Amino acid sequence: MVRDLPFSALQFAFYEQFKRWSTAIRRKWTGSAKALNNYVPWEVVNGVAAGGLAGLITTPLGIKMVVESCLTV
């Protein structure tokens, strides 16, 4: 749980920010964000970007915890 909490917190925060940015981009392109409100490709890109960035940041933490737990056993 200690390893998953930072990842989940960062992923959620990044996803919400990417969602705001994509809504602003859609509003600029179409004049209305409601036209593509739940457009699946945008949601997939937002989720992949958020998960990838959160994983990139938290992976060193996970590796360090695994190594430390192996050394203490």
C-alpha atoms as a PDB file:
ATOM      1  CA  MET A   1       0.000   0.000   0.000  1.00  0.00           C
ATOM      2  CA  VAL A   2       2.860   2.348   0.782  1.00  0.00           C
ATOM      3  CA  ARG A   3       4.156   1.911  -2.765  1.00  0.00           C
ATOM      4  CA  ASP A   4       0.741   2.306  -4.420  1.00  0.00           C
ATOM      5  CA  LEU A   5      -0.444   5.407  -2.607  1.00  0.00           C
ATOM      6  CA  PRO A   6       2.053   7.879  -4.168  1.00  0.00           C
ATOM      7  CA  PHE A   7       1.395   6.429  -7.642  1.00  0.00           C
ATOM      8  CA  SER A   8      -2.384   6.642  -7.269  1.00  0.00           C
ATOM      9  CA  ALA A   9      -2.275  10.162  -5.870  1.00  0.00           C
ATOM     10  CA  LEU A  10      -0.039  11.407  -8.672  1.00  0.00           C
ATOM     11  CA  GLN A  11      -2.006   9.576 -11.357  1.00  0.00           C
ATOM     12  CA  PHE A  12      -5.274  11.104 -10.185  1.00  0.00           C
ATOM     13  CA  ALA A  13      -3.810  14.609 -10.013  1.00  0.00           C
ATOM     14  CA  PHE A  14      -2.168  14.309 -13.442  1.00  0.00           C
ATOM     15  CA  TYR A  15      -5.337  12.864 -14.994  1.00  0.00           C
ATOM     16  CA  GLU A  16      -7.470  15.735 -13.713  1.00  0.00           C
ATOM     17  CA  GLN A  17      -4.965  18.307 -14.996  1.00  0.00           C
ATOM     18  CA  PHE A  18      -4.660  16.628 -18.399  1.00  0.00           C
ATOM     19  CA  LYS A  19      -8.463  16.488 -18.578  1.00  0.00           C
ATOM     20  CA  ARG A  20      -8.649  20.258 -17.977  1.00  0.00           C
ATOM     21  CA  TRP A  21      -6.028  20.898 -20.659  1.00  0.00           C
ATOM     22  CA  SER A  22      -7.749  18.640 -23.195  1.00  0.00           C
ATOM     23  CA  THR A  23     -11.083  20.349 -22.513  1.00  0.00           C
ATOM     24  CA  ALA A  24      -9.462  23.731 -23.136  1.00  0.00           C
ATOM     25  CA  ILE A  25      -7.933  22.454 -26.380  1.00  0.00           C
ATOM     26  CA  ARG A  26     -11.270  21.012 -27.551  1.00  0.00           C
ATOM     27  CA  ARG A  27     -13.025  24.256 -26.670  1.00  0.00           C
ATOM     28  CA  LYS A  28     -10.464  26.181 -28.723  1.00  0.00           C
ATOM     29  CA  TRP A  29     -10.786  23.842 -31.732  1.00  0.00           C
ATOM     30  CA  THR A  30     -14.567  23.395 -31.782  1.00  0.00           C
ATOM     31  CA  GLY A  31     -15.858  26.380 -29.864  1.00  0.00           C
ATOM     32  CA  SER A  32     -17.570  24.045 -27.393  1.00  0.00           C
ATOM     33  CA  ALA A  33     -16.129  21.403 -25.099  1.00  0.00           C
ATOM     34  CA  LYS A  34     -19.533  19.713 -24.752  1.00  0.00           C
ATOM     35  CA  ALA A  35     -19.440  18.453 -28.323  1.00  0.00           C
ATOM     36  CA  LEU A  36     -16.661  16.027 -27.389  1.00  0.00           C
ATOM     37  CA  ASN A  37     -17.303  15.796 -23.653  1.00  0.00           C
ATOM     38  CA  ASN A  38     -16.690  12.056 -23.259  1.00  0.00           C
ATOM     39  CA  TYR A  39     -14.711  11.449 -26.405  1.00  0.00           C
ATOM     40  CA  VAL A  40     -12.999   8.123 -25.718  1.00  0.00           C
ATOM     41  CA  PRO A  41      -9.671   8.721 -27.544  1.00  0.00           C
ATOM     42  CA  TRP A  42      -9.104  11.889 -25.487  1.00  0.00           C
ATOM     43  CA  GLU A  43      -9.843   9.983 -22.271  1.00  0.00           C
ATOM     44  CA  VAL A  44      -7.455   7.179 -23.262  1.00  0.00           C
ATOM     45  CA  VAL A  45      -4.665   9.630 -24.056  1.00  0.00           C
ATOM     46  CA  ASN A  46      -5.257  11.459 -20.767  1.00  0.00           C
ATOM     47  CA  GLY A  47      -5.176   8.188 -18.807  1.00  0.00           C
ATOM     48  CA  VAL A  48      -2.075   6.859 -20.541  1.00  0.00           C
ATOM     49  CA  ALA A  49      -0.219  10.132 -20.069  1.00  0.00           C
ATOM     50  CA  ALA A  50      -1.221  10.385 -16.404  1.00  0.00           C
ATOM     51  CA  GLY A  51      -0.296   6.778 -15.622  1.00  0.00           C
ATOM     52  CA  GLY A  52       2.954   6.972 -17.539  1.00  0.00           C
ATOM     53  CA  LEU A  53       4.080  10.148 -15.845  1.00  0.00           C
ATOM     54  CA  ALA A  54       3.092   8.888 -12.382  1.00  0.00           C
ATOM     55  CA  GLY A  55       4.915   5.614 -13.059  1.00  0.00           C
ATOM     56  CA  LEU A  56       8.000   7.412 -14.276  1.00  0.00           C
ATOM     57  CA  ILE A  57       8.132   9.455 -11.094  1.00  0.00           C
ATOM     58  CA  THR A  58       7.329   6.670  -8.606  1.00  0.00           C
ATOM     59  CA  THR A  59       9.271   3.739 -10.130  1.00  0.00           C
ATOM     60  CA  PRO A  60      12.571   4.632  -8.400  1.00  0.00           C
ATOM     61  CA  LEU A  61      10.679   4.671  -5.084  1.00  0.00           C
ATOM     62  CA  GLY A  62       9.297   1.174  -5.746  1.00  0.00           C
ATOM     63  CA  ILE A  63      12.673  -0.250  -6.704  1.00  0.00           C
ATOM     64  CA  LYS A  64      14.301   1.244  -3.607  1.00  0.00           C
ATOM     65  CA  MET A  65      11.621  -0.264  -1.337  1.00  0.00           C
ATOM     66  CA  VAL A  66      11.980  -3.728  -2.920  1.00  0.00           C
ATOM     67  CA  VAL A  67      15.765  -3.669  -2.557  1.00  0.00           C
ATOM     68  CA  GLU A  68      15.536  -2.506   1.041  1.00  0.00           C
ATOM     69  CA  SER A  69      13.015  -5.226   1.909  1.00  0.00           C
ATOM     70  CA  CYS A  70      15.229  -7.892   0.319  1.00  0.00           C
ATOM     71  CA  LEU A  71      18.245  -6.720   2.303  1.00  0.00           C
ATOM     72  CA  THR A  72      16.397  -6.835   5.650  1.00  0.00           C
ATOM     73  CA  VAL A  73      15.097 -10.397   5.225  1.00  0.00           C
END
